[in-house]
Amino acid sequence: MQAFDMFKEAVAMRKFSLFFLLLILAGCGGSGDSGGNGNGGGNGGVEPPINLLPTYNFFLENLQGDAPLTAVVGDAFTVTVDFDGLLPGSLDLNPSSTVTNVRIDGLLIRDTASIELTVTSPEGSPLDGTFVINATEDIVFGAIFFDGAFNVVTPAETVTVTTVDVADLFTRVDIALNGGEPIGYGWPEFMGLLDDETADAWQRRASLAAGALEFIVEQFFNVADVLDTLEAITFNNPTVSSCDMFTGSPPDGVLAQGEITITWLGSGELSDGDDFTWEFNQCWSEDDRELIHGTVTLQDYMETVDTNSNTLFEIGFGGIGDVPGGVIFEFTISETVWNQGVWTIAADDVVTVTGGFSLTIQSP
């Protein structure tokens, strides 16, 4: 499998990850308060539904210690992510959203974002080394591609990457080296540059940078997508759900049907500082033809509700600044291939994700 295809598999988990964002917003139980006199209200101990704002900011930050978000893409290369301070972004919610039915209309990374990537490969590659992605416009993410602009900066070069809307459902990507004449690509061609060994290193690096941005956003979604079920899990702990069953013989050593288990490690009621584990036991998705195996650890849950307006102010894991906790990944994503009634996995078709980030979703 081509390196870009594997990286694409690592970022093509939006349905899986969107499930997490619904969880984080709909799981609000009022464990904290801001500007009020405590939780519970005056309705016989029954808390009223928490209100949501139309827009929330979000921030990703490196975990404390040496545990950067890292993707090992088969035997091709390893990408390590270092957030330069806070990675800022925002979410737009559909007006019909409630804490039990969150719908997202838009997500963007702000034009102040800066991310440092380090690429290493077993046999050496022109892409090896450290470079910085600096957003120069807000980067708005859609279902297939994103709109916006960023620079890819090394000590020797600056590559400008700009998306251009040409027509409905078609986006051109213009890339230019050191202020030179831009070269235009369709979105698939641009993303495919990473695996094109005839392309210049700066072109391939620009493609890799775009894939890395998508990868980061997908991992944010992966976490955000379970938050609306966290309080429910405290009443049904652990919560186990079945994954898709293989339609033929599963890969050697893989269960015919895996499962997902979310476990709350607290007691009493959902509170700040609680931890969860989200375990994937050989969980196969028939739609994506991907097998996920491993654990996402959610450490130090935090939630603040403005009790004056009964509105969610802040939610996430870890926090901004020198605060422990966050989201810690330790799982693999494997592409499965159908071959005459048997599913298989090649060794180089496996992406290993480790490390993580702290996550804060906050009122503007």
Protein backbone atom coordinates (compact mmCIF):
# COMPACT_ATOMS: atom_id res chain seq x y z
CA MET A 1 0.00 0.00 0.00
CA GLN A 2 1.22 3.49 -0.83
CA ALA A 3 2.32 5.67 2.07
CA PHE A 4 -0.32 8.29 1.29
CA ASP A 5 -3.05 5.65 1.21
CA MET A 6 -2.03 4.49 4.68
CA PHE A 7 -1.94 8.05 5.99
CA LYS A 8 -5.33 8.59 4.40
CA GLU A 9 -6.66 5.54 6.24
CA ALA A 10 -5.44 7.08 9.46
CA VAL A 11 -7.43 10.24 8.80
CA ALA A 12 -10.51 8.68 7.20
CA MET A 13 -12.23 8.02 10.53
CA ARG A 14 -14.58 10.98 10.57
CA LYS A 15 -17.73 8.96 11.22
CA PHE A 16 -15.96 7.14 14.04
CA SER A 17 -14.54 10.36 15.41
CA LEU A 18 -17.69 12.45 15.01
CA PHE A 19 -19.33 9.96 17.37
CA PHE A 20 -16.89 11.21 19.99
CA LEU A 21 -17.71 14.90 19.62
CA LEU A 22 -21.38 14.16 20.10
CA LEU A 23 -20.41 12.36 23.29
CA ILE A 24 -18.43 15.22 24.74
CA LEU A 25 -21.13 17.83 24.27
CA ALA A 26 -24.14 15.68 25.08
CA GLY A 27 -22.56 14.16 28.17
CA CYS A 28 -22.66 17.43 30.08
CA GLY A 29 -23.84 16.73 33.59
CA GLY A 30 -22.96 19.96 35.34
CA SER A 31 -19.94 18.73 37.29
CA GLY A 32 -18.57 22.26 37.55
CA ASP A 33 -20.03 25.75 37.64
CA SER A 34 -19.07 29.29 36.75
CA GLY A 35 -20.81 32.44 37.88
CA GLY A 36 -23.51 30.64 39.86
CA ASN A 37 -24.20 29.10 43.23
CA GLY A 38 -23.69 25.42 42.51
CA ASN A 39 -25.41 22.64 40.67
CA GLY A 40 -28.81 21.08 41.00
CA GLY A 41 -31.02 24.15 40.75
CA GLY A 42 -34.36 24.47 42.53
CA ASN A 43 -36.45 21.93 40.67
CA GLY A 44 -36.66 19.22 43.28
CA GLY A 45 -33.05 18.19 42.65
CA VAL A 46 -33.69 17.60 38.94
CA GLU A 47 -31.24 19.52 36.82
CA PRO A 48 -32.68 21.29 33.76
CA PRO A 49 -31.13 20.53 30.36
CA ILE A 50 -27.87 22.35 29.75
CA ASN A 51 -27.92 24.91 26.96
CA LEU A 52 -25.37 24.97 24.14
CA LEU A 53 -23.94 28.01 22.40
CA PRO A 54 -23.93 28.17 18.58
CA THR A 55 -20.11 28.34 18.49
CA TYR A 56 -17.34 26.98 20.69
CA ASN A 57 -13.59 27.43 20.58
CA PHE A 58 -11.35 24.42 20.98
CA PHE A 59 -7.69 24.11 21.91
CA LEU A 60 -5.26 21.23 21.54
CA GLU A 61 -1.99 21.23 23.48
CA ASN A 62 0.89 18.82 23.98
CA LEU A 63 0.55 16.38 26.83
CA GLN A 64 2.76 16.94 29.83
CA GLY A 65 5.91 14.89 29.58
CA ASP A 66 7.33 13.31 26.45
CA ALA A 67 4.29 11.80 24.72
CA PRO A 68 3.72 13.67 21.42
CA LEU A 69 1.02 12.58 19.02
CA THR A 70 2.74 10.15 16.67
CA ALA A 71 1.70 8.06 13.66
CA VAL A 72 3.88 5.21 12.41
CA VAL A 73 2.70 4.56 8.85
CA GLY A 74 3.53 0.95 8.02
CA ASP A 75 7.23 0.65 7.30
CA ALA A 76 7.26 3.89 5.28
CA PHE A 77 7.71 6.72 7.80
CA THR A 78 6.90 8.11 11.25
CA VAL A 79 5.31 11.53 11.79
CA THR A 80 5.59 13.21 15.20
CA VAL A 81 3.41 16.25 16.00
CA ASP A 82 4.47 19.09 18.28
CA PHE A 83 1.87 21.78 18.90
CA ASP A 84 3.52 25.17 19.16
CA GLY A 85 1.73 26.31 22.31
CA LEU A 86 -2.01 25.95 21.71
CA LEU A 87 -3.58 24.77 18.48
CA PRO A 88 -6.70 26.98 18.27
CA GLY A 89 -9.89 26.25 16.37
CA SER A 90 -13.65 26.62 16.53
CA LEU A 91 -16.82 24.59 16.06
CA ASP A 92 -20.15 25.80 14.69
CA LEU A 93 -23.16 23.86 15.94
CA ASN A 94 -26.41 23.45 14.06
CA PRO A 95 -29.18 25.58 15.65
CA SER A 96 -31.19 22.41 16.30
CA SER A 97 -28.42 20.90 18.46
CA THR A 98 -29.17 19.84 22.01
CA VAL A 99 -27.00 18.06 24.56
CA THR A 100 -28.54 14.78 23.41
CA ASN A 101 -28.34 15.49 19.69
CA VAL A 102 -25.33 17.57 18.71
CA ARG A 103 -24.94 18.45 15.03
CA ILE A 104 -21.82 20.18 13.76
CA ASP A 105 -22.10 22.57 10.83
CA GLY A 106 -18.44 23.55 10.62
CA LEU A 107 -14.94 23.20 12.04
CA LEU A 108 -11.85 25.29 11.43
CA ILE A 109 -8.27 25.74 12.58
CA ARG A 110 -7.46 29.40 13.14
CA ASP A 111 -4.96 31.41 11.12
CA THR A 112 -2.68 31.73 14.16
CA ALA A 113 -2.05 27.97 14.38
CA SER A 114 1.50 26.63 14.16
CA ILE A 115 2.50 22.96 14.22
CA GLU A 116 5.93 21.38 14.08
CA LEU A 117 6.26 18.01 12.35
CA THR A 118 9.22 15.66 12.45
CA VAL A 119 9.46 12.92 9.81
CA THR A 120 11.74 9.92 10.08
CA SER A 121 12.00 6.83 7.88
CA PRO A 122 13.87 3.56 8.35
CA GLU A 123 15.91 3.84 5.17
CA GLY A 124 16.12 7.60 4.88
CA SER A 125 13.96 9.82 2.69
CA PRO A 126 14.04 13.33 1.18
CA LEU A 127 11.13 14.07 3.52
CA ASP A 128 13.10 13.32 6.69
CA GLY A 129 13.60 16.22 9.05
CA THR A 130 11.61 18.83 10.93
CA PHE A 131 9.39 21.48 9.39
CA VAL A 132 6.71 23.88 10.56
CA ILE A 133 3.15 24.36 9.31
CA ASN A 134 1.98 27.96 9.81
CA ALA A 135 -1.65 28.71 9.00
CA THR A 136 -1.98 31.98 7.08
CA GLU A 137 -5.77 31.81 6.76
CA ASP A 138 -8.43 30.00 8.74
CA ILE A 139 -8.45 26.39 7.52
CA VAL A 140 -12.04 25.17 7.18
CA PHE A 141 -12.54 21.42 7.08
CA GLY A 142 -15.21 19.75 4.96
CA ALA A 143 -16.26 16.18 4.26
CA ILE A 144 -13.64 15.64 1.54
CA PHE A 145 -11.09 18.48 1.62
CA PHE A 146 -10.43 21.75 3.39
CA ASP A 147 -10.32 25.40 2.36
CA GLY A 148 -7.68 27.85 3.48
CA ALA A 149 -3.96 28.51 3.27
CA PHE A 150 -0.77 27.64 5.12
CA ASN A 151 2.99 27.76 4.73
CA VAL A 152 5.36 24.81 5.07
CA VAL A 153 8.65 26.15 6.39
CA THR A 154 12.09 24.54 6.59
CA PRO A 155 15.41 26.34 7.16
CA ALA A 156 15.94 26.40 3.38
CA GLU A 157 12.48 26.96 1.90
CA THR A 158 8.94 28.22 2.34
CA VAL A 159 6.15 26.49 0.45
CA THR A 160 2.83 28.31 0.17
CA VAL A 161 -0.28 26.10 -0.04
CA THR A 162 -3.59 27.74 -0.99
CA THR A 163 -6.92 26.16 -1.89
CA VAL A 164 -8.96 27.76 -4.67
CA ASP A 165 -12.65 27.07 -5.24
CA VAL A 166 -12.99 26.46 -8.96
CA ALA A 167 -16.51 25.03 -9.16
CA ASP A 168 -18.99 23.14 -7.04
CA LEU A 169 -17.39 20.05 -5.49
CA PHE A 170 -14.02 20.91 -7.06
CA THR A 171 -11.11 22.53 -5.26
CA ARG A 172 -7.76 23.37 -6.81
CA VAL A 173 -4.66 23.48 -4.64
CA ASP A 174 -1.95 25.96 -5.62
CA ILE A 175 1.53 25.41 -4.22
CA ALA A 176 4.53 27.70 -4.72
CA LEU A 177 8.17 27.48 -3.64
CA ASN A 178 9.81 30.59 -2.13
CA GLY A 179 7.35 33.01 -3.73
CA GLY A 180 7.65 31.49 -7.20
CA GLU A 181 4.94 30.76 -9.75
CA PRO A 182 2.24 28.54 -8.23
CA ILE A 183 1.50 25.08 -9.58
CA GLY A 184 -2.14 24.00 -9.50
CA TYR A 185 -3.42 20.52 -8.69
CA GLY A 186 -6.78 18.87 -8.22
CA TRP A 187 -7.29 17.70 -4.65
CA PRO A 188 -6.60 13.97 -5.31
CA GLU A 189 -3.48 14.78 -7.34
CA PHE A 190 -2.18 17.10 -4.64
CA MET A 191 -2.68 14.56 -1.87
CA GLY A 192 -1.10 11.90 -4.07
CA LEU A 193 2.13 13.88 -4.40
CA LEU A 194 3.38 12.35 -1.17
CA ASP A 195 3.87 8.99 -2.88
CA ASP A 196 5.12 10.40 -6.18
CA GLU A 197 8.86 9.80 -6.09
CA THR A 198 9.26 11.82 -9.31
CA ALA A 199 7.91 14.95 -7.55
CA ASP A 200 10.28 17.37 -5.83
CA ALA A 201 10.71 17.00 -2.08
CA TRP A 202 9.05 20.37 -1.41
CA GLN A 203 5.94 19.26 -3.32
CA ARG A 204 5.77 15.98 -1.43
CA ARG A 205 6.31 17.81 1.87
CA ALA A 206 3.36 20.11 1.12
CA SER A 207 1.18 17.07 0.49
CA LEU A 208 2.36 15.47 3.72
CA ALA A 209 1.59 18.66 5.64
CA ALA A 210 -1.99 18.67 4.35
CA GLY A 211 -2.40 15.04 5.33
CA ALA A 212 -0.99 15.78 8.78
CA LEU A 213 -3.52 18.58 9.32
CA GLU A 214 -6.34 16.21 8.43
CA PHE A 215 -4.85 13.57 10.72
CA ILE A 216 -4.78 15.98 13.67
CA VAL A 217 -8.36 17.08 13.09
CA GLU A 218 -9.51 13.46 12.83
CA GLN A 219 -7.89 12.59 16.15
CA PHE A 220 -9.65 15.58 17.71
CA PHE A 221 -12.91 14.25 16.33
CA ASN A 222 -12.09 10.76 17.61
CA VAL A 223 -12.06 12.13 21.13
CA ALA A 224 -14.85 14.66 20.85
CA ASP A 225 -17.15 12.02 19.47
CA VAL A 226 -17.75 10.06 22.69
CA LEU A 227 -18.39 12.91 25.06
CA ASP A 228 -22.17 12.87 24.86
CA THR A 229 -22.35 9.37 26.32
CA LEU A 230 -19.95 9.72 29.23
CA GLU A 231 -22.60 10.45 31.85
CA ALA A 232 -24.74 7.58 30.58
CA ILE A 233 -21.75 5.28 30.93
CA THR A 234 -21.60 6.06 34.66
CA PHE A 235 -25.01 4.35 34.97
CA ASN A 236 -24.07 1.38 32.79
CA ASN A 237 -20.42 0.81 33.52
CA PRO A 238 -18.69 -0.59 31.54
CA THR A 239 -20.60 -0.05 28.30
CA VAL A 240 -19.95 -2.66 25.62
CA SER A 241 -21.03 -2.53 21.97
CA SER A 242 -20.41 -4.91 19.09
CA CYS A 243 -18.54 -3.96 15.94
CA ASP A 244 -19.31 -5.16 12.41
CA MET A 245 -18.93 -8.85 11.74
CA PHE A 246 -16.59 -9.93 8.97
CA THR A 247 -18.59 -10.99 5.93
CA GLY A 248 -16.18 -13.83 5.16
CA SER A 249 -13.25 -15.41 6.92
CA PRO A 250 -11.50 -12.79 9.10
CA PRO A 251 -7.76 -12.19 8.88
CA ASP A 252 -5.61 -14.77 10.59
CA GLY A 253 -5.76 -14.33 14.36
CA VAL A 254 -8.59 -11.76 14.24
CA LEU A 255 -12.03 -12.21 15.83
CA ALA A 256 -14.98 -12.60 13.50
CA GLN A 257 -16.71 -9.82 15.47
CA GLY A 258 -14.91 -7.48 17.83
CA GLU A 259 -16.27 -5.03 20.36
CA ILE A 260 -15.80 -1.60 21.93
CA THR A 261 -15.77 -1.16 25.70
CA ILE A 262 -15.92 2.24 27.43
CA THR A 263 -15.14 2.05 31.14
CA TRP A 264 -15.55 4.79 33.73
CA LEU A 265 -12.83 4.66 36.36
CA GLY A 266 -14.62 6.95 38.82
CA SER A 267 -17.36 6.44 41.39
CA GLY A 268 -20.49 8.22 42.61
CA GLU A 269 -21.34 10.67 39.82
CA LEU A 270 -19.41 12.06 36.88
CA SER A 271 -16.98 14.60 38.28
CA ASP A 272 -14.00 16.68 37.34
CA GLY A 273 -10.82 14.60 37.36
CA ASP A 274 -12.52 11.36 36.31
CA ASP A 275 -10.83 9.00 33.85
CA PHE A 276 -12.20 6.68 31.18
CA THR A 277 -10.75 3.96 28.99
CA TRP A 278 -12.06 3.37 25.48
CA GLU A 279 -10.96 -0.07 24.34
CA PHE A 280 -11.20 -1.40 20.80
CA ASN A 281 -10.89 -5.18 20.67
CA GLN A 282 -10.32 -5.99 17.00
CA CYS A 283 -13.17 -3.70 15.96
CA TRP A 284 -13.87 -3.91 12.23
CA SER A 285 -15.78 -1.34 10.16
CA GLU A 286 -17.35 -2.83 7.06
CA ASP A 287 -17.83 0.61 5.47
CA ASP A 288 -14.19 1.67 5.87
CA ARG A 289 -12.72 -1.86 5.73
CA GLU A 290 -10.56 -0.92 8.68
CA LEU A 291 -9.69 -2.85 11.82
CA ILE A 292 -9.03 -0.85 14.99
CA HIS A 293 -7.31 -2.43 17.97
CA GLY A 294 -6.05 -0.78 21.13
CA THR A 295 -7.00 1.80 23.72
CA VAL A 296 -7.75 5.50 24.03
CA THR A 297 -7.32 6.71 27.61
CA LEU A 298 -9.26 9.83 28.61
CA GLN A 299 -7.65 11.39 31.68
CA ASP A 300 -8.86 14.19 33.93
CA TYR A 301 -12.34 15.00 32.65
CA MET A 302 -13.33 18.60 33.27
CA GLU A 303 -16.60 20.41 32.74
CA THR A 304 -17.83 23.88 33.72
CA VAL A 305 -21.40 25.15 33.41
CA ASP A 306 -22.35 28.80 33.76
CA THR A 307 -25.20 28.41 36.23
CA ASN A 308 -26.45 31.94 35.63
CA SER A 309 -27.55 30.88 32.15
CA ASN A 310 -27.28 27.08 32.58
CA THR A 311 -24.98 27.07 29.55
CA LEU A 312 -22.00 24.85 28.91
CA PHE A 313 -18.88 26.98 29.35
CA GLU A 314 -16.05 24.44 29.08
CA ILE A 315 -15.50 20.72 28.67
CA GLY A 316 -12.63 18.39 27.80
CA PHE A 317 -9.76 16.32 29.15
CA GLY A 318 -6.70 17.90 30.70
CA GLY A 319 -6.67 21.64 30.33
CA ILE A 320 -4.80 24.72 29.15
CA GLY A 321 -1.36 25.32 30.64
CA ASP A 322 0.54 23.06 33.02
CA VAL A 323 -2.45 20.83 33.74
CA PRO A 324 -2.08 17.04 33.82
CA GLY A 325 -4.31 14.71 31.86
CA GLY A 326 -5.56 14.60 28.31
CA VAL A 327 -6.21 12.08 25.58
CA ILE A 328 -3.68 9.26 25.18
CA PHE A 329 -3.78 7.03 22.10
CA GLU A 330 -2.36 3.55 21.83
CA PHE A 331 -4.01 1.73 18.97
CA THR A 332 -3.54 0.48 15.43
CA ILE A 333 -5.62 1.02 12.31
CA SER A 334 -5.25 -1.76 9.74
CA GLU A 335 -6.60 -1.84 6.22
CA THR A 336 -8.29 -5.14 5.45
CA VAL A 337 -8.32 -6.54 1.91
CA TRP A 338 -10.88 -8.98 0.51
CA ASN A 339 -9.31 -11.83 -1.41
CA GLN A 340 -11.42 -14.78 -2.61
CA GLY A 341 -13.55 -15.08 0.50
CA VAL A 342 -10.79 -14.29 2.99
CA TRP A 343 -9.88 -10.94 4.56
CA THR A 344 -6.17 -10.21 4.95
CA ILE A 345 -3.92 -7.54 6.45
CA ALA A 346 -0.46 -6.79 5.10
CA ALA A 347 2.20 -5.76 7.59
CA ASP A 348 2.74 -2.46 5.80
CA ASP A 349 -1.00 -1.68 5.88
CA VAL A 350 -0.98 -0.84 9.60
CA VAL A 351 -0.89 2.64 11.15
CA THR A 352 0.14 2.80 14.81
CA VAL A 353 -1.03 5.89 16.73
CA THR A 354 0.54 6.79 20.08
CA GLY A 355 0.91 9.84 22.32
CA GLY A 356 -1.84 12.41 22.44
CA PHE A 357 -2.90 15.89 23.50
CA SER A 358 -4.98 17.78 26.01
CA LEU A 359 -8.37 18.90 24.69
CA THR A 360 -10.42 21.90 25.78
CA ILE A 361 -13.73 22.98 24.22
CA GLN A 362 -14.63 26.41 25.56
CA SER A 363 -17.13 29.22 25.22
CA PRO A 364 -15.86 32.06 22.99
